[in-house]
Amino acid sequence: MPTLYTYCIPGDDGAAPNPFWGICTLTICKPVIRRTAKVGDWIVGTGSMQFGFQNKVVYAMEVTQKMTMKEYEMFCKEYLPMKIPK
């Protein structure tokens, strides 16, 4: 049975989660979720009161693949170069 992970996004600048270019990633945030989530699990980010998005779902994504940072870097260089910050 899949696990549902939820957390409050304190601010949304598009870096974490990074929903751009067709793939939503948690590469630079939520290390515990990244470490424990398995393929098939779901992650839901909710909005913060600070920005008036309390009780709102900002995003929901299913874990479809897990990569090491090195694998992610190589994947982005080949398929998603715009996802890598300059």
N, C-alpha and C. Protein backbone atom coordinates (compact mmCIF):
# COMPACT_ATOMS: atom_id res chain seq x y z
N MET A 1 0.83 -1.17 0.00
CA MET A 1 0.00 0.00 0.00
C MET A 1 0.89 1.25 0.00
N PRO A 2 0.60 2.22 -0.86
CA PRO A 2 1.41 3.44 -0.92
C PRO A 2 1.30 4.26 0.37
N THR A 3 2.35 5.00 0.64
CA THR A 3 2.38 5.93 1.77
C THR A 3 2.10 7.33 1.24
N LEU A 4 1.38 8.13 2.01
CA LEU A 4 1.13 9.53 1.67
C LEU A 4 1.98 10.39 2.59
N TYR A 5 2.85 11.20 2.00
CA TYR A 5 3.67 12.15 2.75
C TYR A 5 3.08 13.54 2.52
N THR A 6 2.98 14.33 3.57
CA THR A 6 2.50 15.71 3.43
C THR A 6 3.43 16.64 4.19
N TYR A 7 3.52 17.86 3.71
CA TYR A 7 4.27 18.88 4.42
C TYR A 7 3.79 20.25 3.96
N CYS A 8 4.05 21.25 4.79
CA CYS A 8 3.69 22.63 4.48
C CYS A 8 4.86 23.29 3.76
N ILE A 9 4.56 23.93 2.65
CA ILE A 9 5.57 24.66 1.89
C ILE A 9 5.61 26.09 2.45
N PRO A 10 6.70 26.48 3.11
CA PRO A 10 6.74 27.81 3.73
C PRO A 10 6.70 28.95 2.71
N GLY A 11 7.28 28.75 1.56
CA GLY A 11 7.29 29.72 0.47
C GLY A 11 7.53 28.99 -0.83
N ASP A 12 6.98 29.48 -1.90
CA ASP A 12 7.09 28.76 -3.17
C ASP A 12 7.76 29.63 -4.22
N ASP A 13 9.06 29.38 -4.44
CA ASP A 13 9.78 30.10 -5.48
C ASP A 13 10.09 29.22 -6.68
N GLY A 14 9.55 28.01 -6.68
CA GLY A 14 9.74 27.10 -7.81
C GLY A 14 10.96 26.21 -7.71
N ALA A 15 11.80 26.42 -6.68
CA ALA A 15 13.01 25.61 -6.56
C ALA A 15 12.74 24.27 -5.88
N ALA A 16 11.87 24.30 -4.89
CA ALA A 16 11.60 23.08 -4.14
C ALA A 16 10.17 23.10 -3.63
N PRO A 17 9.29 22.36 -4.18
CA PRO A 17 9.54 21.43 -5.28
C PRO A 17 9.76 22.19 -6.59
N ASN A 18 10.43 21.53 -7.50
CA ASN A 18 10.69 22.10 -8.82
C ASN A 18 9.76 21.42 -9.82
N PRO A 19 8.66 22.10 -10.20
CA PRO A 19 7.66 21.47 -11.06
C PRO A 19 7.86 21.72 -12.54
N PHE A 20 8.96 22.34 -12.92
CA PHE A 20 9.12 22.80 -14.29
C PHE A 20 9.64 21.72 -15.24
N TRP A 21 9.36 21.90 -16.50
CA TRP A 21 9.80 21.04 -17.60
C TRP A 21 9.24 19.63 -17.49
N GLY A 22 8.01 19.53 -16.95
CA GLY A 22 7.28 18.27 -17.00
C GLY A 22 7.60 17.24 -15.94
N ILE A 23 8.55 17.55 -15.06
CA ILE A 23 8.91 16.60 -14.00
C ILE A 23 9.01 17.37 -12.69
N CYS A 24 8.24 16.96 -11.69
CA CYS A 24 8.28 17.60 -10.38
C CYS A 24 9.31 16.87 -9.51
N THR A 25 10.24 17.62 -8.94
CA THR A 25 11.30 17.00 -8.15
C THR A 25 11.43 17.65 -6.77
N LEU A 26 11.99 16.89 -5.85
CA LEU A 26 12.31 17.37 -4.50
C LEU A 26 13.81 17.29 -4.26
N THR A 27 14.58 17.66 -5.23
CA THR A 27 16.02 17.46 -5.19
C THR A 27 16.72 18.19 -4.05
N ILE A 28 16.25 19.39 -3.71
CA ILE A 28 16.97 20.18 -2.70
C ILE A 28 16.18 20.38 -1.42
N CYS A 29 15.12 19.62 -1.23
CA CYS A 29 14.35 19.78 0.01
C CYS A 29 13.83 18.43 0.49
N LYS A 30 13.36 18.42 1.70
CA LYS A 30 12.71 17.26 2.31
C LYS A 30 13.58 16.00 2.27
N PRO A 31 14.76 16.03 2.89
CA PRO A 31 15.66 14.87 2.84
C PRO A 31 15.06 13.60 3.43
N VAL A 32 14.25 13.72 4.47
CA VAL A 32 13.66 12.52 5.07
C VAL A 32 12.67 11.87 4.10
N ILE A 33 11.85 12.70 3.45
CA ILE A 33 10.91 12.15 2.46
C ILE A 33 11.69 11.54 1.30
N ARG A 34 12.72 12.22 0.81
CA ARG A 34 13.51 11.68 -0.30
C ARG A 34 14.12 10.34 0.07
N ARG A 35 14.57 10.22 1.31
CA ARG A 35 15.23 8.98 1.75
C ARG A 35 14.23 7.84 1.94
N THR A 36 13.04 8.12 2.44
CA THR A 36 12.12 7.05 2.83
C THR A 36 11.02 6.74 1.81
N ALA A 37 10.67 7.70 0.97
CA ALA A 37 9.59 7.46 -0.01
C ALA A 37 10.01 6.40 -1.01
N LYS A 38 9.03 5.63 -1.43
CA LYS A 38 9.27 4.56 -2.41
C LYS A 38 8.45 4.85 -3.66
N VAL A 39 8.84 4.24 -4.77
CA VAL A 39 8.07 4.35 -6.01
C VAL A 39 6.64 3.91 -5.71
N GLY A 40 5.68 4.72 -6.13
CA GLY A 40 4.27 4.44 -5.87
C GLY A 40 3.70 5.26 -4.73
N ASP A 41 4.56 5.82 -3.86
CA ASP A 41 4.09 6.68 -2.78
C ASP A 41 3.67 8.04 -3.36
N TRP A 42 2.94 8.80 -2.55
CA TRP A 42 2.47 10.12 -2.96
C TRP A 42 3.00 11.17 -2.00
N ILE A 43 3.29 12.37 -2.55
CA ILE A 43 3.75 13.50 -1.75
C ILE A 43 2.83 14.68 -2.06
N VAL A 44 2.33 15.30 -1.01
CA VAL A 44 1.44 16.45 -1.15
C VAL A 44 2.04 17.62 -0.39
N GLY A 45 2.19 18.74 -1.08
CA GLY A 45 2.65 19.97 -0.44
C GLY A 45 1.47 20.90 -0.24
N THR A 46 1.31 21.39 0.99
CA THR A 46 0.22 22.32 1.29
C THR A 46 0.78 23.72 1.50
N GLY A 47 -0.08 24.71 1.30
CA GLY A 47 0.34 26.10 1.42
C GLY A 47 0.44 26.56 2.86
N SER A 48 1.16 27.67 3.04
CA SER A 48 1.37 28.20 4.39
C SER A 48 0.43 29.38 4.66
N MET A 49 0.18 29.61 5.93
CA MET A 49 -0.64 30.74 6.35
C MET A 49 0.04 32.05 6.00
N GLN A 50 1.37 32.06 6.03
CA GLN A 50 2.14 33.27 5.77
C GLN A 50 1.79 33.90 4.42
N PHE A 51 1.47 33.07 3.43
CA PHE A 51 1.17 33.57 2.10
C PHE A 51 -0.31 33.44 1.74
N GLY A 52 -1.15 33.12 2.74
CA GLY A 52 -2.58 33.04 2.51
C GLY A 52 -3.04 31.77 1.80
N PHE A 53 -2.23 30.73 1.85
CA PHE A 53 -2.59 29.47 1.19
C PHE A 53 -2.81 28.34 2.19
N GLN A 54 -3.13 28.68 3.45
CA GLN A 54 -3.38 27.63 4.43
C GLN A 54 -4.56 26.78 3.98
N ASN A 55 -4.47 25.50 4.27
CA ASN A 55 -5.52 24.53 3.91
C ASN A 55 -5.71 24.37 2.41
N LYS A 56 -4.70 24.71 1.63
CA LYS A 56 -4.76 24.55 0.18
C LYS A 56 -3.67 23.57 -0.26
N VAL A 57 -4.00 22.72 -1.21
CA VAL A 57 -2.99 21.84 -1.81
C VAL A 57 -2.27 22.62 -2.89
N VAL A 58 -0.95 22.74 -2.76
CA VAL A 58 -0.13 23.42 -3.76
C VAL A 58 0.25 22.45 -4.87
N TYR A 59 0.57 21.23 -4.48
CA TYR A 59 0.89 20.21 -5.48
C TYR A 59 0.70 18.83 -4.88
N ALA A 60 0.53 17.86 -5.75
CA ALA A 60 0.51 16.44 -5.38
C ALA A 60 1.27 15.70 -6.47
N MET A 61 2.14 14.81 -6.06
CA MET A 61 2.88 14.04 -7.07
C MET A 61 3.08 12.61 -6.59
N GLU A 62 3.09 11.71 -7.54
CA GLU A 62 3.39 10.31 -7.27
C GLU A 62 4.87 10.10 -7.51
N VAL A 63 5.51 9.35 -6.63
CA VAL A 63 6.91 9.00 -6.82
C VAL A 63 6.97 7.93 -7.91
N THR A 64 7.59 8.27 -9.02
CA THR A 64 7.70 7.33 -10.14
C THR A 64 9.12 6.83 -10.34
N GLN A 65 10.08 7.53 -9.74
CA GLN A 65 11.47 7.14 -9.90
C GLN A 65 12.28 7.77 -8.78
N LYS A 66 13.32 7.07 -8.32
CA LYS A 66 14.25 7.62 -7.34
C LYS A 66 15.65 7.58 -7.94
N MET A 67 16.40 8.66 -7.70
CA MET A 67 17.76 8.76 -8.22
C MET A 67 18.67 9.32 -7.14
N THR A 68 19.93 8.98 -7.25
CA THR A 68 20.93 9.65 -6.42
C THR A 68 21.12 11.05 -7.00
N MET A 69 21.78 11.91 -6.25
CA MET A 69 22.06 13.26 -6.76
C MET A 69 22.89 13.19 -8.04
N LYS A 70 23.84 12.29 -8.08
CA LYS A 70 24.69 12.14 -9.27
C LYS A 70 23.85 11.68 -10.46
N GLU A 71 22.97 10.70 -10.25
CA GLU A 71 22.11 10.23 -11.34
C GLU A 71 21.19 11.35 -11.82
N TYR A 72 20.66 12.15 -10.87
CA TYR A 72 19.78 13.25 -11.23
C TYR A 72 20.53 14.30 -12.04
N GLU A 73 21.74 14.62 -11.62
CA GLU A 73 22.55 15.59 -12.36
C GLU A 73 22.80 15.11 -13.79
N MET A 74 23.16 13.85 -13.95
CA MET A 74 23.41 13.30 -15.29
C MET A 74 22.12 13.31 -16.12
N PHE A 75 20.99 12.92 -15.51
CA PHE A 75 19.70 12.90 -16.20
C PHE A 75 19.35 14.31 -16.68
N CYS A 76 19.51 15.29 -15.80
CA CYS A 76 19.18 16.67 -16.18
C CYS A 76 20.10 17.19 -17.27
N LYS A 77 21.37 16.90 -17.17
CA LYS A 77 22.30 17.36 -18.20
C LYS A 77 21.90 16.83 -19.57
N GLU A 78 21.43 15.58 -19.61
CA GLU A 78 21.06 14.98 -20.89
C GLU A 78 19.66 15.36 -21.35
N TYR A 79 18.69 15.34 -20.44
CA TYR A 79 17.29 15.50 -20.85
C TYR A 79 16.64 16.82 -20.43
N LEU A 80 17.11 17.43 -19.37
CA LEU A 80 16.46 18.63 -18.82
C LEU A 80 17.48 19.69 -18.42
N PRO A 81 18.31 20.17 -19.32
CA PRO A 81 19.37 21.10 -18.93
C PRO A 81 18.84 22.39 -18.29
N MET A 82 17.61 22.79 -18.60
CA MET A 82 17.06 24.02 -18.02
C MET A 82 16.72 23.86 -16.54
N LYS A 83 16.64 22.63 -16.05
CA LYS A 83 16.29 22.39 -14.64
C LYS A 83 17.49 22.64 -13.72
N ILE A 84 18.69 22.67 -14.25
CA ILE A 84 19.89 22.87 -13.45
C ILE A 84 20.10 24.37 -13.24
N PRO A 85 20.12 24.84 -11.98
CA PRO A 85 20.32 26.27 -11.72
C PRO A 85 21.68 26.73 -12.21
N LYS A 86 21.72 27.94 -12.65
CA LYS A 86 22.99 28.54 -13.12
C LYS A 86 23.70 29.22 -11.98
